[in-house]
Amino acid sequence: MVPQEVRLRRGPDGGYRIVSRDQAPDGAGAAAWRRDHFGSLTDPDRPDPAARAALETAARSHFGLPADAPVREC
């Protein structure tokens, strides 16, 4: 498993489609990629439960989803 950045776009039918996907390289450069994409204080390999809950809440709000919309690993 490697961290990924996935960008979505809402379609006219209200659904979402993936418009781009990027992931950390193997080996050298992986740490720099994670820092560039997730920030210097974020370690996607060991997410903080409180930070994860806040991120899920922000994502639901950003995409106009109900507060109880499920969030799953993909």
PDB file of N, CA and C in Angstrom:
ATOM      1  N   MET A   1       0.840  -1.178   0.000  1.00  0.00           N
ATOM      2  CA  MET A   1       0.000   0.000   0.000  1.00  0.00           C
ATOM      3  C   MET A   1       0.885   1.241   0.000  1.00  0.00           C
ATOM      4  N   VAL A   2       0.533   2.192  -0.836  1.00  0.00           N
ATOM      5  CA  VAL A   2       1.232   3.466  -0.874  1.00  0.00           C
ATOM      6  C   VAL A   2       0.208   4.587  -0.814  1.00  0.00           C
ATOM      7  N   PRO A   3       0.578   5.737  -0.242  1.00  0.00           N
ATOM      8  CA  PRO A   3      -0.347   6.866  -0.219  1.00  0.00           C
ATOM      9  C   PRO A   3      -0.688   7.310  -1.638  1.00  0.00           C
ATOM     10  N   GLN A   4      -1.923   7.734  -1.823  1.00  0.00           N
ATOM     11  CA  GLN A   4      -2.364   8.238  -3.124  1.00  0.00           C
ATOM     12  C   GLN A   4      -3.093   9.562  -2.939  1.00  0.00           C
ATOM     13  N   GLU A   5      -3.001  10.387  -3.962  1.00  0.00           N
ATOM     14  CA  GLU A   5      -3.797  11.612  -4.044  1.00  0.00           C
ATOM     15  C   GLU A   5      -4.756  11.389  -5.208  1.00  0.00           C
ATOM     16  N   VAL A   6      -6.052  11.453  -4.918  1.00  0.00           N
ATOM     17  CA  VAL A   6      -7.075  11.225  -5.935  1.00  0.00           C
ATOM     18  C   VAL A   6      -7.937  12.478  -6.020  1.00  0.00           C
ATOM     19  N   ARG A   7      -8.098  13.007  -7.226  1.00  0.00           N
ATOM     20  CA  ARG A   7      -8.935  14.183  -7.445  1.00  0.00           C
ATOM     21  C   ARG A   7     -10.215  13.750  -8.144  1.00  0.00           C
ATOM     22  N   LEU A   8     -11.328  14.265  -7.637  1.00  0.00           N
ATOM     23  CA  LEU A   8     -12.642  13.905  -8.144  1.00  0.00           C
ATOM     24  C   LEU A   8     -13.329  15.111  -8.755  1.00  0.00           C
ATOM     25  N   ARG A   9     -14.234  14.859  -9.673  1.00  0.00           N
ATOM     26  CA  ARG A   9     -15.073  15.917 -10.246  1.00  0.00           C
ATOM     27  C   ARG A   9     -16.510  15.426 -10.226  1.00  0.00           C
ATOM     28  N   ARG A  10     -17.409  16.318  -9.791  1.00  0.00           N
ATOM     29  CA  ARG A  10     -18.820  15.976  -9.761  1.00  0.00           C
ATOM     30  C   ARG A  10     -19.391  16.100 -11.167  1.00  0.00           C
ATOM     31  N   GLY A  11     -20.112  15.084 -11.593  1.00  0.00           N
ATOM     32  CA  GLY A  11     -20.723  15.086 -12.919  1.00  0.00           C
ATOM     33  C   GLY A  11     -22.118  15.679 -12.889  1.00  0.00           C
ATOM     34  N   PRO A  12     -22.723  15.860 -14.051  1.00  0.00           N
ATOM     35  CA  PRO A  12     -24.062  16.442 -14.132  1.00  0.00           C
ATOM     36  C   PRO A  12     -25.126  15.579 -13.455  1.00  0.00           C
ATOM     37  N   ASP A  13     -24.839  14.290 -13.297  1.00  0.00           N
ATOM     38  CA  ASP A  13     -25.800  13.402 -12.640  1.00  0.00           C
ATOM     39  C   ASP A  13     -25.639  13.401 -11.122  1.00  0.00           C
ATOM     40  N   GLY A  14     -24.689  14.200 -10.593  1.00  0.00           N
ATOM     41  CA  GLY A  14     -24.457  14.278  -9.152  1.00  0.00           C
ATOM     42  C   GLY A  14     -23.426  13.274  -8.656  1.00  0.00           C
ATOM     43  N   GLY A  15     -23.026  12.337  -9.511  1.00  0.00           N
ATOM     44  CA  GLY A  15     -22.003  11.370  -9.131  1.00  0.00           C
ATOM     45  C   GLY A  15     -20.618  11.966  -9.303  1.00  0.00           C
ATOM     46  N   TYR A  16     -19.632  11.215  -8.908  1.00  0.00           N
ATOM     47  CA  TYR A  16     -18.247  11.677  -8.995  1.00  0.00           C
ATOM     48  C   TYR A  16     -17.458  10.766  -9.915  1.00  0.00           C
ATOM     49  N   ARG A  17     -16.439  11.351 -10.556  1.00  0.00           N
ATOM     50  CA  ARG A  17     -15.528  10.554 -11.354  1.00  0.00           C
ATOM     51  C   ARG A  17     -14.110  10.986 -11.021  1.00  0.00           C
ATOM     52  N   ILE A  18     -13.197  10.060 -11.152  1.00  0.00           N
ATOM     53  CA  ILE A  18     -11.796  10.342 -10.895  1.00  0.00           C
ATOM     54  C   ILE A  18     -11.221  11.079 -12.094  1.00  0.00           C
ATOM     55  N   VAL A  19     -10.599  12.236 -11.837  1.00  0.00           N
ATOM     56  CA  VAL A  19      -9.983  12.996 -12.924  1.00  0.00           C
ATOM     57  C   VAL A  19      -8.457  12.884 -12.899  1.00  0.00           C
ATOM     58  N   SER A  20      -7.894  12.529 -11.745  1.00  0.00           N
ATOM     59  CA  SER A  20      -6.458  12.277 -11.690  1.00  0.00           C
ATOM     60  C   SER A  20      -6.138  11.440 -10.460  1.00  0.00           C
ATOM     61  N   ARG A  21      -5.048  10.716 -10.574  1.00  0.00           N
ATOM     62  CA  ARG A  21      -4.585   9.892  -9.464  1.00  0.00           C
ATOM     63  C   ARG A  21      -3.065   9.912  -9.498  1.00  0.00           C
ATOM     64  N   ASP A  22      -2.472  10.112  -8.335  1.00  0.00           N
ATOM     65  CA  ASP A  22      -1.021  10.154  -8.231  1.00  0.00           C
ATOM     66  C   ASP A  22      -0.643   9.377  -6.976  1.00  0.00           C
ATOM     67  N   GLN A  23       0.479   8.717  -6.980  1.00  0.00           N
ATOM     68  CA  GLN A  23       0.911   7.993  -5.791  1.00  0.00           C
ATOM     69  C   GLN A  23       2.400   8.161  -5.573  1.00  0.00           C
ATOM     70  N   ALA A  24       2.795   7.936  -4.335  1.00  0.00           N
ATOM     71  CA  ALA A  24       4.199   8.077  -3.958  1.00  0.00           C
ATOM     72  C   ALA A  24       5.045   7.065  -4.714  1.00  0.00           C
ATOM     73  N   PRO A  25       6.256   7.460  -5.106  1.00  0.00           N
ATOM     74  CA  PRO A  25       7.150   6.503  -5.764  1.00  0.00           C
ATOM     75  C   PRO A  25       7.701   5.501  -4.752  1.00  0.00           C
ATOM     76  N   ASP A  26       8.131   4.370  -5.240  1.00  0.00           N
ATOM     77  CA  ASP A  26       8.810   3.395  -4.378  1.00  0.00           C
ATOM     78  C   ASP A  26      10.216   3.886  -4.073  1.00  0.00           C
ATOM     79  N   GLY A  27      10.679   3.617  -2.875  1.00  0.00           N
ATOM     80  CA  GLY A  27      12.068   3.919  -2.522  1.00  0.00           C
ATOM     81  C   GLY A  27      12.359   5.398  -2.383  1.00  0.00           C
ATOM     82  N   ALA A  28      13.481   5.811  -2.964  1.00  0.00           N
ATOM     83  CA  ALA A  28      13.944   7.196  -2.844  1.00  0.00           C
ATOM     84  C   ALA A  28      12.895   8.148  -3.400  1.00  0.00           C
ATOM     85  N   GLY A  29      12.654   9.189  -2.684  1.00  0.00           N
ATOM     86  CA  GLY A  29      11.693  10.184  -3.119  1.00  0.00           C
ATOM     87  C   GLY A  29      10.324  10.025  -2.498  1.00  0.00           C
ATOM     88  N   ALA A  30      10.043   8.875  -1.869  1.00  0.00           N
ATOM     89  CA  ALA A  30       8.721   8.636  -1.295  1.00  0.00           C
ATOM     90  C   ALA A  30       8.418   9.612  -0.150  1.00  0.00           C
ATOM     91  N   ALA A  31       9.377   9.828   0.728  1.00  0.00           N
ATOM     92  CA  ALA A  31       9.154  10.731   1.861  1.00  0.00           C
ATOM     93  C   ALA A  31       8.915  12.158   1.381  1.00  0.00           C
ATOM     94  N   ALA A  32       9.677  12.604   0.406  1.00  0.00           N
ATOM     95  CA  ALA A  32       9.488  13.961  -0.126  1.00  0.00           C
ATOM     96  C   ALA A  32       8.131  14.090  -0.799  1.00  0.00           C
ATOM     97  N   TRP A  33       7.701  13.060  -1.526  1.00  0.00           N
ATOM     98  CA  TRP A  33       6.391  13.091  -2.185  1.00  0.00           C
ATOM     99  C   TRP A  33       5.283  13.216  -1.144  1.00  0.00           C
ATOM    100  N   ARG A  34       5.367  12.409  -0.077  1.00  0.00           N
ATOM    101  CA  ARG A  34       4.341  12.479   0.984  1.00  0.00           C
ATOM    102  C   ARG A  34       4.315  13.855   1.622  1.00  0.00           C
ATOM    103  N   ARG A  35       5.488  14.413   1.898  1.00  0.00           N
ATOM    104  CA  ARG A  35       5.560  15.749   2.499  1.00  0.00           C
ATOM    105  C   ARG A  35       4.943  16.787   1.572  1.00  0.00           C
ATOM    106  N   ASP A  36       5.243  16.702   0.269  1.00  0.00           N
ATOM    107  CA  ASP A  36       4.714  17.665  -0.705  1.00  0.00           C
ATOM    108  C   ASP A  36       3.200  17.554  -0.873  1.00  0.00           C
ATOM    109  N   HIS A  37       2.664  16.342  -0.790  1.00  0.00           N
ATOM    110  CA  HIS A  37       1.239  16.129  -1.045  1.00  0.00           C
ATOM    111  C   HIS A  37       0.366  16.152   0.201  1.00  0.00           C
ATOM    112  N   PHE A  38       0.923  15.810   1.358  1.00  0.00           N
ATOM    113  CA  PHE A  38       0.120  15.716   2.570  1.00  0.00           C
ATOM    114  C   PHE A  38       0.564  16.656   3.679  1.00  0.00           C
ATOM    115  N   GLY A  39       1.669  17.376   3.480  1.00  0.00           N
ATOM    116  CA  GLY A  39       2.135  18.320   4.488  1.00  0.00           C
ATOM    117  C   GLY A  39       3.197  17.723   5.388  1.00  0.00           C
ATOM    118  N   SER A  40       3.965  18.588   5.985  1.00  0.00           N
ATOM    119  CA  SER A  40       5.104  18.134   6.786  1.00  0.00           C
ATOM    120  C   SER A  40       4.681  17.504   8.110  1.00  0.00           C
ATOM    121  N   LEU A  41       3.496  17.814   8.613  1.00  0.00           N
ATOM    122  CA  LEU A  41       3.059  17.266   9.896  1.00  0.00           C
ATOM    123  C   LEU A  41       2.169  16.044   9.735  1.00  0.00           C
ATOM    124  N   THR A  42       1.947  15.615   8.517  1.00  0.00           N
ATOM    125  CA  THR A  42       1.050  14.493   8.253  1.00  0.00           C
ATOM    126  C   THR A  42       1.835  13.273   7.842  1.00  0.00           C
ATOM    127  N   ASP A  43       1.563  12.175   8.484  1.00  0.00           N
ATOM    128  CA  ASP A  43       2.163  10.902   8.101  1.00  0.00           C
ATOM    129  C   ASP A  43       1.023   9.976   7.711  1.00  0.00           C
ATOM    130  N   PRO A  44       0.755   9.798   6.417  1.00  0.00           N
ATOM    131  CA  PRO A  44      -0.380   8.975   6.005  1.00  0.00           C
ATOM    132  C   PRO A  44      -0.234   7.504   6.374  1.00  0.00           C
ATOM    133  N   ASP A  45       0.967   7.080   6.758  1.00  0.00           N
ATOM    134  CA  ASP A  45       1.152   5.692   7.165  1.00  0.00           C
ATOM    135  C   ASP A  45       0.639   5.439   8.584  1.00  0.00           C
ATOM    136  N   ARG A  46       0.561   6.498   9.394  1.00  0.00           N
ATOM    137  CA  ARG A  46       0.075   6.373  10.765  1.00  0.00           C
ATOM    138  C   ARG A  46      -0.884   7.516  11.063  1.00  0.00           C
ATOM    139  N   PRO A  47      -2.091   7.492  10.486  1.00  0.00           N
ATOM    140  CA  PRO A  47      -3.009   8.615  10.683  1.00  0.00           C
ATOM    141  C   PRO A  47      -3.495   8.714  12.132  1.00  0.00           C
ATOM    142  N   ASP A  48      -3.579   9.932  12.609  1.00  0.00           N
ATOM    143  CA  ASP A  48      -4.110  10.235  13.931  1.00  0.00           C
ATOM    144  C   ASP A  48      -5.635  10.141  13.855  1.00  0.00           C
ATOM    145  N   PRO A  49      -6.290   9.366  14.729  1.00  0.00           N
ATOM    146  CA  PRO A  49      -7.753   9.220  14.649  1.00  0.00           C
ATOM    147  C   PRO A  49      -8.505  10.552  14.704  1.00  0.00           C
ATOM    148  N   ALA A  50      -8.054  11.497  15.533  1.00  0.00           N
ATOM    149  CA  ALA A  50      -8.724  12.792  15.617  1.00  0.00           C
ATOM    150  C   ALA A  50      -8.560  13.573  14.319  1.00  0.00           C
ATOM    151  N   ALA A  51      -7.358  13.535  13.753  1.00  0.00           N
ATOM    152  CA  ALA A  51      -7.116  14.237  12.495  1.00  0.00           C
ATOM    153  C   ALA A  51      -7.914  13.584  11.366  1.00  0.00           C
ATOM    154  N   ARG A  52      -8.004  12.267  11.397  1.00  0.00           N
ATOM    155  CA  ARG A  52      -8.763  11.555  10.363  1.00  0.00           C
ATOM    156  C   ARG A  52     -10.241  11.932  10.426  1.00  0.00           C
ATOM    157  N   ALA A  53     -10.804  11.998  11.631  1.00  0.00           N
ATOM    158  CA  ALA A  53     -12.210  12.379  11.783  1.00  0.00           C
ATOM    159  C   ALA A  53     -12.434  13.793  11.269  1.00  0.00           C
ATOM    160  N   ALA A  54     -11.532  14.703  11.566  1.00  0.00           N
ATOM    161  CA  ALA A  54     -11.663  16.083  11.092  1.00  0.00           C
ATOM    162  C   ALA A  54     -11.562  16.141   9.573  1.00  0.00           C
ATOM    163  N   LEU A  55     -10.658  15.370   8.994  1.00  0.00           N
ATOM    164  CA  LEU A  55     -10.505  15.334   7.544  1.00  0.00           C
ATOM    165  C   LEU A  55     -11.755  14.763   6.878  1.00  0.00           C
ATOM    166  N   GLU A  56     -12.324  13.703   7.448  1.00  0.00           N
ATOM    167  CA  GLU A  56     -13.545  13.116   6.890  1.00  0.00           C
ATOM    168  C   GLU A  56     -14.706  14.106   6.955  1.00  0.00           C
ATOM    169  N   THR A  57     -14.828  14.830   8.050  1.00  0.00           N
ATOM    170  CA  THR A  57     -15.877  15.840   8.191  1.00  0.00           C
ATOM    171  C   THR A  57     -15.700  16.943   7.157  1.00  0.00           C
ATOM    172  N   ALA A  58     -14.464  17.408   6.974  1.00  0.00           N
ATOM    173  CA  ALA A  58     -14.189  18.453   5.990  1.00  0.00           C
ATOM    174  C   ALA A  58     -14.483  17.961   4.571  1.00  0.00           C
ATOM    175  N   ALA A  59     -14.139  16.710   4.276  1.00  0.00           N
ATOM    176  CA  ALA A  59     -14.390  16.156   2.943  1.00  0.00           C
ATOM    177  C   ALA A  59     -15.890  16.064   2.670  1.00  0.00           C
ATOM    178  N   ARG A  60     -16.660  15.592   3.641  1.00  0.00           N
ATOM    179  CA  ARG A  60     -18.116  15.522   3.469  1.00  0.00           C
ATOM    180  C   ARG A  60     -18.677  16.902   3.183  1.00  0.00           C
ATOM    181  N   SER A  61     -18.242  17.884   3.948  1.00  0.00           N
ATOM    182  CA  SER A  61     -18.721  19.252   3.761  1.00  0.00           C
ATOM    183  C   SER A  61     -18.338  19.779   2.383  1.00  0.00           C
ATOM    184  N   HIS A  62     -17.093  19.562   1.993  1.00  0.00           N
ATOM    185  CA  HIS A  62     -16.600  20.053   0.705  1.00  0.00           C
ATOM    186  C   HIS A  62     -17.394  19.471  -0.457  1.00  0.00           C
ATOM    187  N   PHE A  63     -17.718  18.187  -0.380  1.00  0.00           N
ATOM    188  CA  PHE A  63     -18.431  17.535  -1.474  1.00  0.00           C
ATOM    189  C   PHE A  63     -19.952  17.565  -1.308  1.00  0.00           C
ATOM    190  N   GLY A  64     -20.433  18.281  -0.286  1.00  0.00           N
ATOM    191  CA  GLY A  64     -21.876  18.418  -0.093  1.00  0.00           C
ATOM    192  C   GLY A  64     -22.557  17.120   0.298  1.00  0.00           C
ATOM    193  N   LEU A  65     -21.861  16.269   1.023  1.00  0.00           N
ATOM    194  CA  LEU A  65     -22.423  14.991   1.449  1.00  0.00           C
ATOM    195  C   LEU A  65     -23.054  15.112   2.824  1.00  0.00           C
ATOM    196  N   PRO A  66     -24.008  14.244   3.155  1.00  0.00           N
ATOM    197  CA  PRO A  66     -24.589  14.257   4.493  1.00  0.00           C
ATOM    198  C   PRO A  66     -23.529  13.966   5.554  1.00  0.00           C
ATOM    199  N   ALA A  67     -23.760  14.472   6.751  1.00  0.00           N
ATOM    200  CA  ALA A  67     -22.796  14.301   7.843  1.00  0.00           C
ATOM    201  C   ALA A  67     -22.555  12.838   8.181  1.00  0.00           C
ATOM    202  N   ASP A  68     -23.518  11.974   7.892  1.00  0.00           N
ATOM    203  CA  ASP A  68     -23.353  10.561   8.220  1.00  0.00           C
ATOM    204  C   ASP A  68     -22.953   9.704   7.004  1.00  0.00           C
ATOM    205  N   ALA A  69     -22.535  10.354   5.906  1.00  0.00           N
ATOM    206  CA  ALA A  69     -22.115   9.591   4.721  1.00  0.00           C
ATOM    207  C   ALA A  69     -20.908   8.732   5.075  1.00  0.00           C
ATOM    208  N   PRO A  70     -20.924   7.454   4.679  1.00  0.00           N
ATOM    209  CA  PRO A  70     -19.795   6.582   5.034  1.00  0.00           C
ATOM    210  C   PRO A  70     -18.515   6.974   4.293  1.00  0.00           C
ATOM    211  N   VAL A  71     -17.417   6.802   4.972  1.00  0.00           N
ATOM    212  CA  VAL A  71     -16.088   7.016   4.383  1.00  0.00           C
ATOM    213  C   VAL A  71     -15.362   5.698   4.493  1.00  0.00           C
ATOM    214  N   ARG A  72     -14.883   5.205   3.355  1.00  0.00           N
ATOM    215  CA  ARG A  72     -14.218   3.900   3.336  1.00  0.00           C
ATOM    216  C   ARG A  72     -12.861   4.005   2.675  1.00  0.00           C
ATOM    217  N   GLU A  73     -12.006   3.051   3.009  1.00  0.00           N
ATOM    218  CA  GLU A  73     -10.722   2.942   2.326  1.00  0.00           C
ATOM    219  C   GLU A  73     -10.994   2.538   0.885  1.00  0.00           C
ATOM    220  N   CYS A  74     -10.148   3.005  -0.023  1.00  0.00           N
ATOM    221  CA  CYS A  74     -10.325   2.599  -1.419  1.00  0.00           C
ATOM    222  C   CYS A  74      -9.067   1.976  -1.955  1.00  0.00           C
TER     223      CYS A  74
END
